[in-house]
């Protein structure tokens, strides 16, 4: 009758093992190997090999294809002493992985040999509970959630678009949210600006936003910028963040955000709303297409009325703002395909999305082929958008 010991000996006899010193020599020589830690969370938190991919043994078969889709990828599995890694190696071989080895002696042997190891950043128990549904996604997991918690996102505006985007980003665990807005809450805002409430009419929007976002997720650090973006402060504001959410309600701010972000190499997620329609795209950090490729010149003021003048369906910014938050998370995690180079237009009355190709203009003054982005000049955007006087 087979026992665990006889089963383990049989598995180890058919499992390729690598000694800690040999693995260290391979890694030092530039070998490209996926180091796979199959220990439990408390073990992983106490230390791990540098640049490790962590999948607890109980989730290995479920998650490995999301982490290592190419079955020819060299993998070295390790646990504490070499037993679980041997069992895990057998499972990967059965799944078709062809270059799997187990670290002899596991992490214990690695540490005993005096080889380098890291203290991984880990989630607190309350964070594991809060972000549990993210952690179940192989594309996010522990490492992805830590990226979100380390990320800094700037929301230009705490209004219709800034409300849903900032709330979902806070809920997702974005570590730092900056809110730029110089306005106060007005009763007319409450039909669509869900960051605010009736009891906060007259309160600064950044203060109201802080109350809502902190109540939603105390993990998130809120930086309040009660000011209007202008050429004097734009570089300092935008430079402190990783991703920019453009929820501005005027052309001058949109051009300013575009130019400053291009100069600094920051991605911008742009959206705008008007009556029953909205549009959204991403202007990538690497350059065009940018806002000036979409709108080379601002329209005359009389042809671009604001929401206060033309009205807006209250639920519309919710749809576009949530899409902005989605794009920000994708950029931070490096997931999927962003809307860079694509403009999505939403018609609420027809419940219809249209996708338009957005191409970079080679002659664009801010992202064109011959432009030195570091030298982009921030101009008087209010005057630029006012255009020539008309009689």
Protein backbone atom coordinates (compact mmCIF):
# COMPACT_ATOMS: atom_id res chain seq x y z
CA UNK A 1 0.00 0.00 0.00
CA UNK A 2 1.36 3.42 -0.96
CA UNK A 3 2.02 5.95 1.79
CA UNK A 4 2.68 9.65 1.50
CA UNK A 5 6.39 9.03 1.99
CA UNK A 6 6.56 6.51 -0.84
CA UNK A 7 4.44 8.77 -3.05
CA UNK A 8 6.71 11.75 -2.33
CA UNK A 9 9.87 9.74 -3.02
CA UNK A 10 8.39 8.62 -6.31
CA UNK A 11 7.44 12.17 -7.28
CA UNK A 12 10.85 13.56 -6.31
CA UNK A 13 12.59 10.86 -8.31
CA UNK A 14 10.79 12.13 -11.38
CA UNK A 15 11.10 15.84 -10.57
CA UNK A 16 14.02 17.94 -11.73
CA UNK A 17 15.58 19.77 -8.77
CA UNK A 18 18.03 22.64 -8.63
CA UNK A 19 20.31 23.56 -5.76
CA UNK A 20 20.12 27.05 -4.27
CA UNK A 21 23.71 27.96 -5.28
CA UNK A 22 23.11 26.78 -8.85
CA UNK A 23 19.90 28.78 -9.14
CA UNK A 24 21.63 31.88 -7.77
CA UNK A 25 24.42 31.48 -10.33
CA UNK A 26 21.88 31.17 -13.16
CA UNK A 27 20.00 34.27 -12.03
CA UNK A 28 23.24 36.25 -11.62
CA UNK A 29 24.15 35.25 -15.17
CA UNK A 30 20.95 36.78 -16.52
CA UNK A 31 18.85 33.64 -16.92
CA UNK A 32 15.16 34.41 -17.41
CA UNK A 33 13.35 32.19 -14.94
CA UNK A 34 9.96 32.54 -13.25
CA UNK A 35 10.46 32.02 -9.53
CA UNK A 36 7.21 30.61 -8.20
CA UNK A 37 6.55 30.66 -4.45
CA UNK A 38 3.78 28.19 -3.50
CA UNK A 39 3.85 28.81 0.26
CA UNK A 40 0.99 30.25 2.28
CA UNK A 41 0.49 33.99 2.83
CA UNK A 42 2.07 34.11 6.29
CA UNK A 43 5.17 32.28 5.03
CA UNK A 44 5.51 34.50 1.96
CA UNK A 45 5.20 37.61 4.13
CA UNK A 46 8.22 36.56 6.18
CA UNK A 47 10.54 36.60 3.18
CA UNK A 48 10.87 35.49 -0.43
CA UNK A 49 13.36 35.22 -3.27
CA UNK A 50 13.70 38.51 -5.20
CA UNK A 51 11.21 39.04 -8.04
CA UNK A 52 9.04 36.13 -7.01
CA UNK A 53 5.61 35.27 -8.39
CA UNK A 54 3.46 34.14 -5.49
CA UNK A 55 0.62 31.63 -5.89
CA UNK A 56 -0.38 29.62 -2.80
CA UNK A 57 -0.30 25.88 -3.48
CA UNK A 58 -4.07 25.57 -3.13
CA UNK A 59 -4.62 28.04 -6.01
CA UNK A 60 -1.79 26.90 -8.29
CA UNK A 61 -3.78 25.03 -10.95
CA UNK A 62 -6.43 27.75 -10.95
CA UNK A 63 -4.10 30.71 -11.40
CA UNK A 64 -0.91 29.55 -13.11
CA UNK A 65 -2.17 30.02 -16.68
CA UNK A 66 -2.98 33.66 -15.93
CA UNK A 67 0.47 34.28 -14.49
CA UNK A 68 2.55 32.12 -16.88
CA UNK A 69 0.59 31.53 -20.10
CA UNK A 70 3.58 30.20 -22.10
CA UNK A 71 4.08 26.57 -21.07
CA UNK A 72 7.68 26.59 -22.32
CA UNK A 73 8.68 29.25 -19.80
CA UNK A 74 11.43 28.08 -17.40
CA UNK A 75 9.94 27.87 -13.89
CA UNK A 76 11.59 27.17 -10.55
CA UNK A 77 9.09 26.38 -7.81
CA UNK A 78 9.93 26.69 -4.15
CA UNK A 79 8.26 26.20 -0.78
CA UNK A 80 9.72 26.06 2.71
CA UNK A 81 11.64 22.79 2.41
CA UNK A 82 11.04 21.25 -1.01
CA UNK A 83 8.00 19.03 -0.44
CA UNK A 84 5.14 21.20 -1.68
CA UNK A 85 7.25 22.45 -4.55
CA UNK A 86 7.78 18.87 -5.76
CA UNK A 87 4.03 18.22 -5.64
CA UNK A 88 3.42 21.52 -7.42
CA UNK A 89 5.97 20.65 -10.09
CA UNK A 90 4.13 17.42 -10.85
CA UNK A 91 0.88 19.39 -11.30
CA UNK A 92 2.51 21.83 -13.71
CA UNK A 93 4.00 19.00 -15.75
CA UNK A 94 0.54 17.45 -15.97
CA UNK A 95 -0.76 20.83 -17.21
CA UNK A 96 1.80 20.77 -20.01
CA UNK A 97 4.61 22.94 -18.61
CA UNK A 98 7.87 21.64 -20.01
CA UNK A 99 10.66 23.43 -18.08
CA UNK A 100 9.75 23.02 -14.42
CA UNK A 101 12.24 22.53 -11.58
CA UNK A 102 11.88 22.41 -7.81
CA UNK A 103 14.27 24.28 -5.52
CA UNK A 104 16.03 21.63 -3.41
CA UNK A 105 15.60 22.42 0.26
CA UNK A 106 13.25 25.30 -0.54
CA UNK A 107 13.47 28.78 0.92
CA UNK A 108 15.16 27.37 4.03
CA UNK A 109 18.12 26.16 1.95
CA UNK A 110 18.28 29.49 0.12
CA UNK A 111 18.48 31.49 3.39
CA UNK A 112 20.92 29.02 4.98
CA UNK A 113 23.26 29.54 2.02
CA UNK A 114 23.25 33.29 2.76
CA UNK A 115 21.70 34.18 -0.59
CA UNK A 116 19.73 37.44 -1.04
CA UNK A 117 16.04 37.57 -0.27
CA UNK A 118 13.37 40.24 0.09
CA UNK A 119 10.73 41.13 2.64
CA UNK A 120 7.64 41.32 0.39
CA UNK A 121 5.11 44.08 0.80
CA UNK A 122 1.93 42.44 1.98
CA UNK A 123 -1.68 43.37 2.62
CA UNK A 124 -3.00 43.73 6.14
CA UNK A 125 -5.72 41.27 7.19
CA UNK A 126 -8.38 43.99 6.90
CA UNK A 127 -7.13 44.83 3.40
CA UNK A 128 -7.29 41.18 2.38
CA UNK A 129 -10.94 41.20 3.40
CA UNK A 130 -11.71 44.55 1.73
CA UNK A 131 -10.06 43.71 -1.59
CA UNK A 132 -10.97 40.00 -1.59
CA UNK A 133 -12.72 40.13 -4.97
CA UNK A 134 -9.68 41.75 -6.56
CA UNK A 135 -7.41 39.14 -5.04
CA UNK A 136 -9.44 36.39 -6.68
CA UNK A 137 -8.63 37.80 -10.11
CA UNK A 138 -5.33 36.30 -11.35
CA UNK A 139 -4.73 39.46 -13.38
CA UNK A 140 -4.82 41.54 -10.18
CA UNK A 141 -4.06 39.38 -7.16
CA UNK A 142 -1.87 40.47 -4.25
CA UNK A 143 0.77 42.10 -6.45
CA UNK A 144 -1.78 44.07 -8.44
CA UNK A 145 -3.57 45.32 -5.36
CA UNK A 146 -0.27 46.51 -3.94
CA UNK A 147 0.30 48.41 -7.20
CA UNK A 148 -3.08 50.10 -6.81
CA UNK A 149 -2.31 51.03 -3.21
CA UNK A 150 1.01 52.54 -4.33
CA UNK A 151 -0.55 54.51 -7.21
CA UNK A 152 -1.33 58.23 -7.27
CA UNK A 153 -4.19 59.52 -9.41
CA UNK A 154 -5.14 63.17 -9.91
CA UNK A 155 -8.78 64.04 -10.60
CA UNK A 156 -9.22 67.38 -12.34
CA UNK A 157 -12.61 68.45 -11.04
CA UNK A 158 -14.87 67.13 -8.29
CA UNK A 159 -18.04 67.48 -10.34
CA UNK A 160 -20.06 65.20 -12.57
CA UNK A 161 -17.14 63.17 -13.94
CA UNK A 162 -14.86 63.51 -10.94
CA UNK A 163 -17.54 62.14 -8.60
CA UNK A 164 -17.95 58.59 -9.96
CA UNK A 165 -14.33 58.26 -11.10
CA UNK A 166 -12.88 59.24 -7.72
CA UNK A 167 -15.37 57.12 -5.78
CA UNK A 168 -14.64 53.96 -7.75
CA UNK A 169 -10.91 54.60 -7.63
CA UNK A 170 -11.10 55.03 -3.87
CA UNK A 171 -13.14 51.86 -3.54
CA UNK A 172 -10.61 49.98 -5.69
CA UNK A 173 -7.82 50.98 -3.31
CA UNK A 174 -5.92 53.65 -5.20
CA UNK A 175 -3.47 54.75 -2.50
CA UNK A 176 -3.44 58.49 -3.18
CA UNK A 177 -6.13 60.59 -4.82
CA UNK A 178 -5.61 64.25 -5.62
CA UNK A 179 -8.72 66.39 -6.10
CA UNK A 180 -8.43 69.73 -7.93
CA UNK A 181 -11.45 72.04 -7.67
CA UNK A 182 -11.93 75.63 -6.53
CA UNK A 183 -15.74 75.60 -6.41
CA UNK A 184 -18.29 75.10 -3.65
CA UNK A 185 -21.23 72.70 -3.63
CA UNK A 186 -24.38 74.17 -5.14
CA UNK A 187 -27.87 72.67 -5.00
CA UNK A 188 -27.88 72.41 -8.80
CA UNK A 189 -24.85 70.07 -8.60
CA UNK A 190 -26.70 67.37 -6.67
CA UNK A 191 -28.58 66.00 -9.68
CA UNK A 192 -25.34 64.41 -10.94
CA UNK A 193 -22.40 65.10 -8.61
CA UNK A 194 -22.75 62.16 -6.25
CA UNK A 195 -19.68 63.03 -4.17
CA UNK A 196 -21.78 65.70 -2.47
CA UNK A 197 -24.99 65.89 -0.46
CA UNK A 198 -27.70 68.34 0.52
CA UNK A 199 -26.09 68.92 3.90
CA UNK A 200 -22.91 70.15 2.19
CA UNK A 201 -24.35 72.92 0.03
CA UNK A 202 -21.96 75.87 0.35
CA UNK A 203 -19.03 73.66 1.40
CA UNK A 204 -15.86 73.58 -0.69
CA UNK A 205 -16.08 70.66 -3.12
CA UNK A 206 -12.64 69.36 -2.17
CA UNK A 207 -13.72 69.19 1.48
CA UNK A 208 -16.98 67.46 0.58
CA UNK A 209 -15.09 65.03 -1.65
CA UNK A 210 -12.66 64.21 1.16
CA UNK A 211 -15.54 63.37 3.51
CA UNK A 212 -17.13 61.00 1.01
CA UNK A 213 -13.92 59.31 -0.10
CA UNK A 214 -12.54 58.81 3.41
CA UNK A 215 -15.87 57.33 4.47
CA UNK A 216 -15.71 54.97 1.50
CA UNK A 217 -12.14 53.80 2.09
CA UNK A 218 -9.90 55.02 4.93
CA UNK A 219 -6.88 53.43 3.17
CA UNK A 220 -6.86 56.25 0.63
CA UNK A 221 -4.81 59.40 1.18
CA UNK A 222 -6.69 62.45 -0.10
CA UNK A 223 -4.75 65.50 -1.27
CA UNK A 224 -7.01 68.53 -1.64
CA UNK A 225 -6.08 71.21 -4.14
CA UNK A 226 -8.61 74.01 -3.76
CA UNK A 227 -7.47 75.91 -6.78
CA UNK A 228 -8.05 76.20 -10.48
CA UNK A 229 -5.42 74.67 -12.74
CA UNK A 230 -3.38 77.33 -14.52
CA UNK A 231 -0.02 77.55 -16.34
CA UNK A 232 1.70 78.50 -13.07
CA UNK A 233 0.64 75.47 -11.03
CA UNK A 234 -0.16 72.79 -13.64
CA UNK A 235 3.31 71.21 -13.77
CA UNK A 236 3.58 70.95 -9.99
CA UNK A 237 0.06 69.51 -9.68
CA UNK A 238 0.32 66.97 -12.47
CA UNK A 239 3.94 66.04 -11.80
CA UNK A 240 3.10 64.55 -8.41
CA UNK A 241 0.75 61.89 -9.83
CA UNK A 242 0.93 58.80 -12.04
CA UNK A 243 -2.36 59.08 -13.95
CA UNK A 244 -4.55 62.10 -14.67
CA UNK A 245 -8.37 61.98 -14.84
CA UNK A 246 -9.56 64.94 -16.92
CA UNK A 247 -13.04 65.82 -15.70
CA UNK A 248 -12.78 69.50 -16.61
CA UNK A 249 -15.84 71.35 -17.87
CA UNK A 250 -14.04 73.91 -20.04
CA UNK A 251 -11.72 73.90 -23.03
CA UNK A 252 -9.01 76.05 -21.44
CA UNK A 253 -8.36 73.50 -18.69
CA UNK A 254 -8.47 70.57 -21.12
CA UNK A 255 -5.79 72.11 -23.35
CA UNK A 256 -3.68 72.99 -20.30
CA UNK A 257 -3.91 69.48 -18.86
CA UNK A 258 -3.04 67.99 -22.24
CA UNK A 259 0.05 70.16 -22.74
CA UNK A 260 1.34 69.85 -19.17
CA UNK A 261 0.85 66.07 -19.11
CA UNK A 262 2.62 65.64 -22.45
CA UNK A 263 5.53 67.70 -21.18
CA UNK A 264 5.75 65.51 -18.06
CA UNK A 265 5.01 62.18 -19.76
CA UNK A 266 1.80 61.46 -17.83
CA UNK A 267 -1.22 59.60 -19.27
CA UNK A 268 -4.51 61.50 -19.35
CA UNK A 269 -7.94 59.90 -19.36
CA UNK A 270 -10.21 62.45 -20.98
CA UNK A 271 -14.00 62.50 -20.93
CA UNK A 272 -16.61 65.14 -21.60
CA UNK A 273 -20.40 65.26 -21.48
CA UNK A 274 -23.07 67.35 -23.19
CA UNK A 275 -26.84 66.97 -22.84
CA UNK A 276 -27.42 63.26 -23.64
CA UNK A 277 -23.99 62.39 -25.07
CA UNK A 278 -20.52 61.75 -23.73
CA UNK A 279 -17.12 60.83 -25.09
CA UNK A 280 -13.99 59.27 -23.64
CA UNK A 281 -10.44 58.48 -24.79
CA UNK A 282 -6.94 58.06 -23.37
CA UNK A 283 -4.03 60.29 -24.27
CA UNK A 284 -1.01 58.06 -23.60
CA UNK A 285 2.09 59.07 -21.66
CA UNK A 286 4.26 58.11 -24.62
CA UNK A 287 2.69 60.80 -26.78
CA UNK A 288 -0.06 61.19 -29.35
CA UNK A 289 -2.72 61.14 -30.31
CA UNK A 290 -3.42 63.93 -27.86
CA UNK A 291 -6.19 66.42 -27.19
CA UNK A 292 -4.88 68.79 -29.87
CA UNK A 293 -5.10 65.96 -32.42
CA UNK A 294 -8.77 65.66 -31.51
CA UNK A 295 -9.42 69.42 -31.33
CA UNK A 296 -6.64 71.35 -33.12
CA UNK A 297 -8.48 74.58 -32.36
CA UNK A 298 -11.09 75.28 -29.69
CA UNK A 299 -14.60 75.96 -31.01
CA UNK A 300 -16.00 79.46 -30.66
CA UNK A 301 -17.47 79.98 -27.17
CA UNK A 302 -20.98 80.40 -28.57
CA UNK A 303 -20.74 76.96 -30.18
CA UNK A 304 -19.64 75.18 -27.01
CA UNK A 305 -22.17 75.94 -24.26
CA UNK A 306 -21.50 74.53 -20.81
CA UNK A 307 -23.75 72.10 -18.94
CA UNK A 308 -25.06 75.10 -16.99
CA UNK A 309 -26.21 76.59 -20.28
CA UNK A 310 -27.30 73.51 -22.24
CA UNK A 311 -28.15 71.00 -19.49
CA UNK A 312 -27.03 67.41 -18.98
CA UNK A 313 -28.77 64.14 -18.14
CA UNK A 314 -27.89 63.43 -14.51
CA UNK A 315 -26.83 59.79 -14.96
CA UNK A 316 -24.64 60.46 -18.00
CA UNK A 317 -21.45 61.49 -16.13
CA UNK A 318 -21.79 58.36 -14.02
CA UNK A 319 -21.33 56.17 -17.07
CA UNK A 320 -18.36 58.13 -18.44
CA UNK A 321 -16.76 58.63 -15.02
CA UNK A 322 -16.82 54.91 -14.26
CA UNK A 323 -15.20 54.28 -17.64
CA UNK A 324 -12.48 56.77 -16.72
CA UNK A 325 -11.82 54.90 -13.46
CA UNK A 326 -11.66 51.63 -15.41
CA UNK A 327 -9.06 53.00 -17.81
CA UNK A 328 -6.98 54.33 -14.90
CA UNK A 329 -6.92 50.93 -13.20
CA UNK A 330 -5.97 49.23 -16.48
CA UNK A 331 -3.07 51.65 -16.96
CA UNK A 332 -1.78 51.16 -13.40
CA UNK A 333 -1.97 47.37 -13.64
CA UNK A 334 -0.85 47.13 -17.27
CA UNK A 335 -4.00 45.20 -18.17
CA UNK A 336 -5.92 44.90 -21.40
CA UNK A 337 -6.10 47.50 -24.13
CA UNK A 338 -6.67 51.14 -23.25
CA UNK A 339 -8.65 53.64 -25.28
CA UNK A 340 -5.47 55.28 -26.61
CA UNK A 341 -6.07 56.01 -30.28
CA UNK A 342 -9.80 55.35 -29.93
CA UNK A 343 -12.62 57.76 -29.12
CA UNK A 344 -15.76 56.18 -27.70
CA UNK A 345 -18.94 58.21 -28.05
CA UNK A 346 -21.99 57.29 -25.99
CA UNK A 347 -25.54 58.30 -26.92
CA UNK A 348 -27.78 57.82 -23.88
CA UNK A 349 -31.04 58.28 -25.79
CA UNK A 350 -30.22 55.44 -28.18
CA UNK A 351 -28.13 53.44 -25.66
CA UNK A 352 -25.47 53.24 -28.32
CA UNK A 353 -21.68 53.27 -28.19
CA UNK A 354 -19.70 54.28 -31.27
CA UNK A 355 -15.95 53.86 -31.58
CA UNK A 356 -13.97 56.25 -33.75
CA UNK A 357 -10.32 55.94 -34.71
CA UNK A 358 -8.22 58.80 -33.35
CA UNK A 359 -4.94 59.29 -35.18
CA UNK A 360 -1.92 61.33 -34.21
CA UNK A 361 -1.37 64.43 -36.33
CA UNK A 362 2.29 64.40 -37.44
CA UNK A 363 2.19 68.19 -37.38
CA UNK A 364 0.56 68.46 -33.96
CA UNK A 365 2.21 71.31 -31.98
CA UNK A 366 2.40 69.21 -28.81
CA UNK A 367 2.79 65.56 -29.87
CA UNK A 368 3.97 65.86 -33.48
CA UNK A 369 7.00 64.07 -34.87
CA UNK A 370 9.38 67.01 -34.52
CA UNK A 371 8.16 68.29 -31.14
CA UNK A 372 10.49 68.42 -28.14
CA UNK A 373 7.96 67.56 -25.46
CA UNK A 374 10.20 68.79 -22.66
CA UNK A 375 10.04 72.25 -24.24
CA UNK A 376 6.24 72.46 -24.62
CA UNK A 377 5.21 75.96 -23.59
CA UNK A 378 2.21 76.49 -21.36
CA UNK A 379 0.34 79.44 -22.82
CA UNK A 380 -2.56 81.67 -21.79
CA UNK A 381 -5.24 79.05 -22.44
CA UNK A 382 -8.17 81.28 -21.53
CA UNK A 383 -7.10 83.73 -24.22
CA UNK A 384 -6.38 80.86 -26.63
CA UNK A 385 -9.88 79.46 -26.18
CA UNK A 386 -11.56 82.87 -26.37
CA UNK A 387 -10.44 83.20 -29.99
CA UNK A 388 -10.59 86.41 -32.02
CA UNK A 389 -13.21 88.95 -31.08
CA UNK A 390 -16.31 88.93 -33.26
CA UNK A 391 -18.24 92.04 -34.17
